[in-house]
Amino acid sequence: LALAVPGSAATPRLVATVGPGDTITLRTAAGAPVR
């Protein structure tokens, strides 16, 4: 029964990058831009 009951899913991850240069992004863990 313990195996059959799903546990809490992992917290989704986002990746934010600023620099180098004049760049800023926020992407999903898979690399897609966040909209």
Full PDB file with SEQRES, HELIX, SHEET, SSBOND, CRYST1, ORIGX, SCALE, CONECT and MASTER records, all heavy atoms in Angstrom:
SEQRES   1 A   35  LEU ALA LEU ALA VAL PRO GLY SER ALA ALA THR PRO ARG          
SEQRES   2 A   35  LEU VAL ALA THR VAL GLY PRO GLY ASP THR ILE THR LEU          
SEQRES   3 A   35  ARG THR ALA ALA GLY ALA PRO VAL ARG                          
SHEET    1 AA1 2 LEU A  14  VAL A  18  0                                        
SHEET    2 AA1 2 ILE A  24  THR A  28 -1                                        
CRYST1    1.000    1.000    1.000  90.00  90.00  90.00 P 1           1          
ORIGX1      1.000000  0.000000  0.000000        0.00000                         
ORIGX2      0.000000  1.000000  0.000000        0.00000                         
ORIGX3      0.000000  0.000000  1.000000        0.00000                         
SCALE1      1.000000  0.000000  0.000000        0.00000                         
SCALE2      0.000000  1.000000  0.000000        0.00000                         
SCALE3      0.000000  0.000000  1.000000        0.00000                         
ATOM      1  N   LEU A   1       0.823  -1.210   0.000  1.00  0.00           N  
ATOM      2  CA  LEU A   1       0.000   0.000   0.000  1.00  0.00           C  
ATOM      3  C   LEU A   1       0.855   1.258   0.000  1.00  0.00           C  
ATOM      4  O   LEU A   1       0.532   2.240  -0.661  1.00  0.00           O  
ATOM      5  CB  LEU A   1      -0.949   0.005   1.210  1.00  0.00           C  
ATOM      6  CG  LEU A   1      -2.121  -0.965   1.136  1.00  0.00           C  
ATOM      7  CD1 LEU A   1      -2.886  -0.965   2.454  1.00  0.00           C  
ATOM      8  CD2 LEU A   1      -3.036  -0.632  -0.015  1.00  0.00           C  
ATOM      9  N   ALA A   2       1.948   1.237   0.718  1.00  0.00           N  
ATOM     10  CA  ALA A   2       2.834   2.397   0.759  1.00  0.00           C  
ATOM     11  C   ALA A   2       3.415   2.674  -0.622  1.00  0.00           C  
ATOM     12  O   ALA A   2       3.575   3.828  -1.023  1.00  0.00           O  
ATOM     13  CB  ALA A   2       3.952   2.177   1.775  1.00  0.00           C  
ATOM     14  N   LEU A   3       3.725   1.627  -1.365  1.00  0.00           N  
ATOM     15  CA  LEU A   3       4.256   1.818  -2.713  1.00  0.00           C  
ATOM     16  C   LEU A   3       3.180   2.272  -3.685  1.00  0.00           C  
ATOM     17  O   LEU A   3       3.459   2.967  -4.654  1.00  0.00           O  
ATOM     18  CB  LEU A   3       4.883   0.514  -3.221  1.00  0.00           C  
ATOM     19  CG  LEU A   3       6.176   0.091  -2.517  1.00  0.00           C  
ATOM     20  CD1 LEU A   3       6.617  -1.270  -3.021  1.00  0.00           C  
ATOM     21  CD2 LEU A   3       7.275   1.111  -2.726  1.00  0.00           C  
ATOM     22  N   ALA A   4       1.941   1.891  -3.445  1.00  0.00           N  
ATOM     23  CA  ALA A   4       0.855   2.229  -4.360  1.00  0.00           C  
ATOM     24  C   ALA A   4       0.403   3.677  -4.220  1.00  0.00           C  
ATOM     25  O   ALA A   4      -0.122   4.262  -5.153  1.00  0.00           O  
ATOM     26  CB  ALA A   4      -0.339   1.301  -4.126  1.00  0.00           C  
ATOM     27  N   VAL A   5       0.600   4.271  -3.047  1.00  0.00           N  
ATOM     28  CA  VAL A   5       0.181   5.655  -2.815  1.00  0.00           C  
ATOM     29  C   VAL A   5       1.284   6.570  -3.306  1.00  0.00           C  
ATOM     30  O   VAL A   5       2.420   6.493  -2.846  1.00  0.00           O  
ATOM     31  CB  VAL A   5      -0.084   5.901  -1.305  1.00  0.00           C  
ATOM     32  CG1 VAL A   5      -0.398   7.361  -1.050  1.00  0.00           C  
ATOM     33  CG2 VAL A   5      -1.200   5.006  -0.821  1.00  0.00           C  
ATOM     34  N   PRO A   6       0.994   7.435  -4.267  1.00  0.00           N  
ATOM     35  CA  PRO A   6       2.051   8.308  -4.794  1.00  0.00           C  
ATOM     36  C   PRO A   6       2.514   9.295  -3.742  1.00  0.00           C  
ATOM     37  O   PRO A   6       1.711   9.853  -3.004  1.00  0.00           O  
ATOM     38  CB  PRO A   6       1.396   9.017  -5.969  1.00  0.00           C  
ATOM     39  CG  PRO A   6      -0.074   8.893  -5.739  1.00  0.00           C  
ATOM     40  CD  PRO A   6      -0.287   7.669  -4.902  1.00  0.00           C  
ATOM     41  N   GLY A   7       3.816   9.515  -3.701  1.00  0.00           N  
ATOM     42  CA  GLY A   7       4.369  10.507  -2.788  1.00  0.00           C  
ATOM     43  C   GLY A   7       4.267  11.877  -3.419  1.00  0.00           C  
ATOM     44  O   GLY A   7       3.796  12.042  -4.529  1.00  0.00           O  
ATOM     45  N   SER A   8       4.714  12.878  -2.712  1.00  0.00           N  
ATOM     46  CA  SER A   8       4.667  14.219  -3.265  1.00  0.00           C  
ATOM     47  C   SER A   8       5.685  14.318  -4.403  1.00  0.00           C  
ATOM     48  O   SER A   8       6.781  13.790  -4.315  1.00  0.00           O  
ATOM     49  CB  SER A   8       4.971  15.250  -2.180  1.00  0.00           C  
ATOM     50  OG  SER A   8       6.271  15.042  -1.684  1.00  0.00           O  
ATOM     51  N   ALA A   9       5.289  14.950  -5.460  1.00  0.00           N  
ATOM     52  CA  ALA A   9       6.176  15.115  -6.607  1.00  0.00           C  
ATOM     53  C   ALA A   9       7.300  16.077  -6.242  1.00  0.00           C  
ATOM     54  O   ALA A   9       7.153  16.927  -5.373  1.00  0.00           O  
ATOM     55  CB  ALA A   9       5.383  15.646  -7.795  1.00  0.00           C  
ATOM     56  N   ALA A  10       8.408  15.935  -6.923  1.00  0.00           N  
ATOM     57  CA  ALA A  10       9.527  16.833  -6.686  1.00  0.00           C  
ATOM     58  C   ALA A  10       9.136  18.256  -7.070  1.00  0.00           C  
ATOM     59  O   ALA A  10       8.339  18.475  -7.973  1.00  0.00           O  
ATOM     60  CB  ALA A  10      10.722  16.381  -7.514  1.00  0.00           C  
ATOM     61  N   THR A  11       9.687  19.211  -6.382  1.00  0.00           N  
ATOM     62  CA  THR A  11       9.422  20.611  -6.683  1.00  0.00           C  
ATOM     63  C   THR A  11      10.014  20.938  -8.049  1.00  0.00           C  
ATOM     64  O   THR A  11      11.195  20.694  -8.289  1.00  0.00           O  
ATOM     65  CB  THR A  11      10.056  21.512  -5.600  1.00  0.00           C  
ATOM     66  OG1 THR A  11       9.564  21.129  -4.332  1.00  0.00           O  
ATOM     67  CG2 THR A  11       9.748  22.973  -5.859  1.00  0.00           C  
ATOM     68  N   PRO A  12       9.215  21.491  -8.971  1.00  0.00           N  
ATOM     69  CA  PRO A  12       9.753  21.838 -10.295  1.00  0.00           C  
ATOM     70  C   PRO A  12      10.889  22.856 -10.178  1.00  0.00           C  
ATOM     71  O   PRO A  12      10.878  23.718  -9.299  1.00  0.00           O  
ATOM     72  CB  PRO A  12       8.556  22.453 -11.025  1.00  0.00           C  
ATOM     73  CG  PRO A  12       7.359  22.024 -10.272  1.00  0.00           C  
ATOM     74  CD  PRO A  12       7.795  21.814  -8.854  1.00  0.00           C  
ATOM     75  N   ARG A  13      11.841  22.741 -11.079  1.00  0.00           N  
ATOM     76  CA  ARG A  13      13.022  23.596 -11.046  1.00  0.00           C  
ATOM     77  C   ARG A  13      13.029  24.555 -12.229  1.00  0.00           C  
ATOM     78  O   ARG A  13      12.710  24.178 -13.359  1.00  0.00           O  
ATOM     79  CB  ARG A  13      14.263  22.715 -11.095  1.00  0.00           C  
ATOM     80  CG  ARG A  13      15.549  23.470 -10.942  1.00  0.00           C  
ATOM     81  CD  ARG A  13      16.692  22.508 -10.937  1.00  0.00           C  
ATOM     82  NE  ARG A  13      17.615  22.971 -11.949  1.00  0.00           N  
ATOM     83  CZ  ARG A  13      18.813  22.479 -12.143  1.00  0.00           C  
ATOM     84  NH1 ARG A  13      19.217  21.459 -11.458  1.00  0.00           N  
ATOM     85  NH2 ARG A  13      19.592  22.988 -13.050  1.00  0.00           N  
ATOM     86  N   LEU A  14      13.393  25.793 -11.954  1.00  0.00           N  
ATOM     87  CA  LEU A  14      13.603  26.812 -12.980  1.00  0.00           C  
ATOM     88  C   LEU A  14      15.061  27.248 -12.907  1.00  0.00           C  
ATOM     89  O   LEU A  14      15.673  27.207 -11.830  1.00  0.00           O  
ATOM     90  CB  LEU A  14      12.694  28.019 -12.726  1.00  0.00           C  
ATOM     91  CG  LEU A  14      11.193  27.746 -12.649  1.00  0.00           C  
ATOM     92  CD1 LEU A  14      10.451  29.008 -12.246  1.00  0.00           C  
ATOM     93  CD2 LEU A  14      10.686  27.203 -13.976  1.00  0.00           C  
ATOM     94  N   VAL A  15      15.606  27.657 -14.043  1.00  0.00           N  
ATOM     95  CA  VAL A  15      16.991  28.122 -14.084  1.00  0.00           C  
ATOM     96  C   VAL A  15      17.001  29.562 -14.582  1.00  0.00           C  
ATOM     97  O   VAL A  15      16.547  29.844 -15.696  1.00  0.00           O  
ATOM     98  CB  VAL A  15      17.864  27.230 -14.992  1.00  0.00           C  
ATOM     99  CG1 VAL A  15      19.296  27.752 -15.036  1.00  0.00           C  
ATOM    100  CG2 VAL A  15      17.820  25.779 -14.516  1.00  0.00           C  
ATOM    101  N   ALA A  16      17.504  30.453 -13.764  1.00  0.00           N  
ATOM    102  CA  ALA A  16      17.625  31.869 -14.096  1.00  0.00           C  
ATOM    103  C   ALA A  16      19.096  32.177 -14.327  1.00  0.00           C  
ATOM    104  O   ALA A  16      19.953  31.717 -13.573  1.00  0.00           O  
ATOM    105  CB  ALA A  16      17.085  32.720 -12.957  1.00  0.00           C  
ATOM    106  N   THR A  17      19.364  32.944 -15.380  1.00  0.00           N  
ATOM    107  CA  THR A  17      20.747  33.323 -15.686  1.00  0.00           C  
ATOM    108  C   THR A  17      20.793  34.805 -16.011  1.00  0.00           C  
ATOM    109  O   THR A  17      19.952  35.308 -16.753  1.00  0.00           O  
ATOM    110  CB  THR A  17      21.278  32.517 -16.887  1.00  0.00           C  
ATOM    111  OG1 THR A  17      21.116  31.126 -16.619  1.00  0.00           O  
ATOM    112  CG2 THR A  17      22.743  32.800 -17.131  1.00  0.00           C  
ATOM    113  N   VAL A  18      21.786  35.486 -15.450  1.00  0.00           N  
ATOM    114  CA  VAL A  18      22.035  36.883 -15.809  1.00  0.00           C  
ATOM    115  C   VAL A  18      23.525  37.003 -16.115  1.00  0.00           C  
ATOM    116  O   VAL A  18      24.370  36.513 -15.367  1.00  0.00           O  
ATOM    117  CB  VAL A  18      21.583  37.866 -14.700  1.00  0.00           C  
ATOM    118  CG1 VAL A  18      22.318  37.638 -13.397  1.00  0.00           C  
ATOM    119  CG2 VAL A  18      21.707  39.300 -15.169  1.00  0.00           C  
ATOM    120  N   GLY A  19      23.813  37.591 -17.291  1.00  0.00           N  
ATOM    121  CA  GLY A  19      25.184  37.662 -17.756  1.00  0.00           C  
ATOM    122  C   GLY A  19      25.591  36.320 -18.349  1.00  0.00           C  
ATOM    123  O   GLY A  19      24.823  35.361 -18.279  1.00  0.00           O  
ATOM    124  N   PRO A  20      26.733  36.232 -18.983  1.00  0.00           N  
ATOM    125  CA  PRO A  20      27.640  37.346 -19.245  1.00  0.00           C  
ATOM    126  C   PRO A  20      27.047  38.300 -20.281  1.00  0.00           C  
ATOM    127  O   PRO A  20      26.095  37.949 -20.976  1.00  0.00           O  
ATOM    128  CB  PRO A  20      28.892  36.648 -19.786  1.00  0.00           C  
ATOM    129  CG  PRO A  20      28.406  35.367 -20.358  1.00  0.00           C  
ATOM    130  CD  PRO A  20      27.191  34.979 -19.558  1.00  0.00           C  
ATOM    131  N   GLY A  21      27.605  39.448 -20.354  1.00  0.00           N  
ATOM    132  CA  GLY A  21      27.052  40.453 -21.261  1.00  0.00           C  
ATOM    133  C   GLY A  21      25.698  40.917 -20.765  1.00  0.00           C  
ATOM    134  O   GLY A  21      25.366  40.804 -19.593  1.00  0.00           O  
ATOM    135  N   ASP A  22      24.910  41.423 -21.669  1.00  0.00           N  
ATOM    136  CA  ASP A  22      23.609  41.983 -21.316  1.00  0.00           C  
ATOM    137  C   ASP A  22      22.492  40.978 -21.567  1.00  0.00           C  
ATOM    138  O   ASP A  22      21.551  41.242 -22.318  1.00  0.00           O  
ATOM    139  CB  ASP A  22      23.361  43.273 -22.108  1.00  0.00           C  
ATOM    140  CG  ASP A  22      24.337  44.368 -21.737  1.00  0.00           C  
ATOM    141  OD1 ASP A  22      24.873  44.324 -20.621  1.00  0.00           O  
ATOM    142  OD2 ASP A  22      24.568  45.270 -22.554  1.00  0.00           O  
ATOM    143  N   THR A  23      22.581  39.826 -20.933  1.00  0.00           N  
ATOM    144  CA  THR A  23      21.578  38.777 -21.113  1.00  0.00           C  
ATOM    145  C   THR A  23      20.928  38.430 -19.785  1.00  0.00           C  
ATOM    146  O   THR A  23      21.569  38.456 -18.732  1.00  0.00           O  
ATOM    147  CB  THR A  23      22.204  37.496 -21.703  1.00  0.00           C  
ATOM    148  OG1 THR A  23      23.191  36.998 -20.785  1.00  0.00           O  
ATOM    149  CG2 THR A  23      22.847  37.769 -23.049  1.00  0.00           C  
ATOM    150  N   ILE A  24      19.636  38.111 -19.865  1.00  0.00           N  
ATOM    151  CA  ILE A  24      18.897  37.637 -18.694  1.00  0.00           C  
ATOM    152  C   ILE A  24      17.848  36.653 -19.194  1.00  0.00           C  
ATOM    153  O   ILE A  24      17.160  36.910 -20.189  1.00  0.00           O  
ATOM    154  CB  ILE A  24      18.261  38.805 -17.906  1.00  0.00           C  
ATOM    155  CG1 ILE A  24      17.709  38.312 -16.566  1.00  0.00           C  
ATOM    156  CG2 ILE A  24      17.218  39.539 -18.733  1.00  0.00           C  
ATOM    157  CD1 ILE A  24      17.388  39.434 -15.585  1.00  0.00           C  
ATOM    158  N   THR A  25      17.765  35.488 -18.538  1.00  0.00           N  
ATOM    159  CA  THR A  25      16.802  34.471 -18.956  1.00  0.00           C  
ATOM    160  C   THR A  25      16.208  33.778 -17.743  1.00  0.00           C  
ATOM    161  O   THR A  25      16.819  33.721 -16.674  1.00  0.00           O  
ATOM    162  CB  THR A  25      17.454  33.385 -19.850  1.00  0.00           C  
ATOM    163  OG1 THR A  25      18.481  32.726 -19.107  1.00  0.00           O  
ATOM    164  CG2 THR A  25      18.021  33.974 -21.130  1.00  0.00           C  
ATOM    165  N   LEU A  26      15.012  33.246 -17.951  1.00  0.00           N  
ATOM    166  CA  LEU A  26      14.372  32.357 -16.986  1.00  0.00           C  
ATOM    167  C   LEU A  26      13.834  31.195 -17.808  1.00  0.00           C  
ATOM    168  O   LEU A  26      13.025  31.394 -18.719  1.00  0.00           O  
ATOM    169  CB  LEU A  26      13.245  33.056 -16.224  1.00  0.00           C  
ATOM    170  CG  LEU A  26      12.536  32.204 -15.176  1.00  0.00           C  
ATOM    171  CD1 LEU A  26      13.510  31.758 -14.068  1.00  0.00           C  
ATOM    172  CD2 LEU A  26      11.361  32.960 -14.570  1.00  0.00           C  
ATOM    173  N   ARG A  27      14.318  29.982 -17.504  1.00  0.00           N  
ATOM    174  CA  ARG A  27      13.972  28.806 -18.297  1.00  0.00           C  
ATOM    175  C   ARG A  27      13.527  27.659 -17.390  1.00  0.00           C  
ATOM    176  O   ARG A  27      13.865  27.620 -16.220  1.00  0.00           O  
ATOM    177  CB  ARG A  27      15.176  28.348 -19.125  1.00  0.00           C  
ATOM    178  CG  ARG A  27      15.635  29.399 -20.127  1.00  0.00           C  
ATOM    179  CD  ARG A  27      16.780  28.887 -20.989  1.00  0.00           C  
ATOM    180  NE  ARG A  27      17.206  29.879 -21.957  1.00  0.00           N  
ATOM    181  CZ  ARG A  27      16.650  30.060 -23.152  1.00  0.00           C  
ATOM    182  NH1 ARG A  27      15.645  29.309 -23.522  1.00  0.00           N  
ATOM    183  NH2 ARG A  27      17.105  30.980 -23.963  1.00  0.00           N  
ATOM    184  N   THR A  28      12.793  26.738 -17.996  1.00  0.00           N  
ATOM    185  CA  THR A  28      12.439  25.511 -17.290  1.00  0.00           C  
ATOM    186  C   THR A  28      13.689  24.646 -17.178  1.00  0.00           C  
ATOM    187  O   THR A  28      14.702  24.920 -17.836  1.00  0.00           O  
ATOM    188  CB  THR A  28      11.354  24.729 -18.047  1.00  0.00           C  
ATOM    189  OG1 THR A  28      11.905  24.281 -19.299  1.00  0.00           O  
ATOM    190  CG2 THR A  28      10.103  25.581 -18.273  1.00  0.00           C  
ATOM    191  N   ALA A  29      13.607  23.591 -16.394  1.00  0.00           N  
ATOM    192  CA  ALA A  29      14.742  22.675 -16.269  1.00  0.00           C  
ATOM    193  C   ALA A  29      15.088  22.045 -17.611  1.00  0.00           C  
ATOM    194  O   ALA A  29      16.238  21.689 -17.865  1.00  0.00           O  
ATOM    195  CB  ALA A  29      14.429  21.592 -15.232  1.00  0.00           C  
ATOM    196  N   ALA A  30      14.095  21.921 -18.504  1.00  0.00           N  
ATOM    197  CA  ALA A  30      14.327  21.361 -19.842  1.00  0.00           C  
ATOM    198  C   ALA A  30      14.913  22.393 -20.802  1.00  0.00           C  
ATOM    199  O   ALA A  30      15.263  22.056 -21.929  1.00  0.00           O  
ATOM    200  CB  ALA A  30      13.018  20.813 -20.409  1.00  0.00           C  
ATOM    201  N   GLY A  31      14.999  23.655 -20.402  1.00  0.00           N  
ATOM    202  CA  GLY A  31      15.613  24.684 -21.229  1.00  0.00           C  
ATOM    203  C   GLY A  31      14.653  25.576 -21.989  1.00  0.00           C  
ATOM    204  O   GLY A  31      15.085  26.461 -22.724  1.00  0.00           O  
ATOM    205  N   ALA A  32      13.346  25.390 -21.818  1.00  0.00           N  
ATOM    206  CA  ALA A  32      12.367  26.217 -22.531  1.00  0.00           C  
ATOM    207  C   ALA A  32      12.197  27.564 -21.825  1.00  0.00           C  
ATOM    208  O   ALA A  32      12.144  27.619 -20.597  1.00  0.00           O  
ATOM    209  CB  ALA A  32      11.022  25.506 -22.599  1.00  0.00           C  
ATOM    210  N   PRO A  33      12.101  28.652 -22.584  1.00  0.00           N  
ATOM    211  CA  PRO A  33      11.847  29.958 -21.958  1.00  0.00           C  
ATOM    212  C   PRO A  33      10.511  29.935 -21.209  1.00  0.00           C  
ATOM    213  O   PRO A  33       9.537  29.356 -21.676  1.00  0.00           O  
ATOM    214  CB  PRO A  33      11.774  30.913 -23.144  1.00  0.00           C  
ATOM    215  CG  PRO A  33      12.439  30.204 -24.279  1.00  0.00           C  
ATOM    216  CD  PRO A  33      12.230  28.749 -24.044  1.00  0.00           C  
ATOM    217  N   VAL A  34      10.486  30.577 -20.053  1.00  0.00           N  
ATOM    218  CA  VAL A  34       9.267  30.622 -19.240  1.00  0.00           C  
ATOM    219  C   VAL A  34       8.377  31.752 -19.738  1.00  0.00           C  
ATOM    220  O   VAL A  34       8.801  32.901 -19.800  1.00  0.00           O  
ATOM    221  CB  VAL A  34       9.608  30.818 -17.748  1.00  0.00           C  
ATOM    222  CG1 VAL A  34       8.359  31.099 -16.937  1.00  0.00           C  
ATOM    223  CG2 VAL A  34      10.341  29.598 -17.207  1.00  0.00           C  
ATOM    224  N   ARG A  35       7.137  31.389 -20.104  1.00  0.00           N  
ATOM    225  CA  ARG A  35       6.120  32.373 -20.489  1.00  0.00           C  
ATOM    226  C   ARG A  35       4.888  32.234 -19.599  1.00  0.00           C  
ATOM    227  O   ARG A  35       4.285  33.214 -19.217  1.00  0.00           O  
ATOM    228  CB  ARG A  35       5.746  32.204 -21.951  1.00  0.00           C  
ATOM    229  CG  ARG A  35       6.927  32.517 -22.880  1.00  0.00           C  
ATOM    230  CD  ARG A  35       6.529  32.702 -24.293  1.00  0.00           C  
ATOM    231  NE  ARG A  35       7.492  32.812 -25.343  1.00  0.00           N  
ATOM    232  CZ  ARG A  35       8.799  32.752 -25.345  1.00  0.00           C  
ATOM    233  NH1 ARG A  35       9.427  32.565 -24.241  1.00  0.00           N  
ATOM    234  NH2 ARG A  35       9.531  32.870 -26.417  1.00  0.00           N  
TER     235      ARG A  35                                                      
MASTER        0    0    0    0    2    0    0    6  234    1    0    3          
END                                                                             
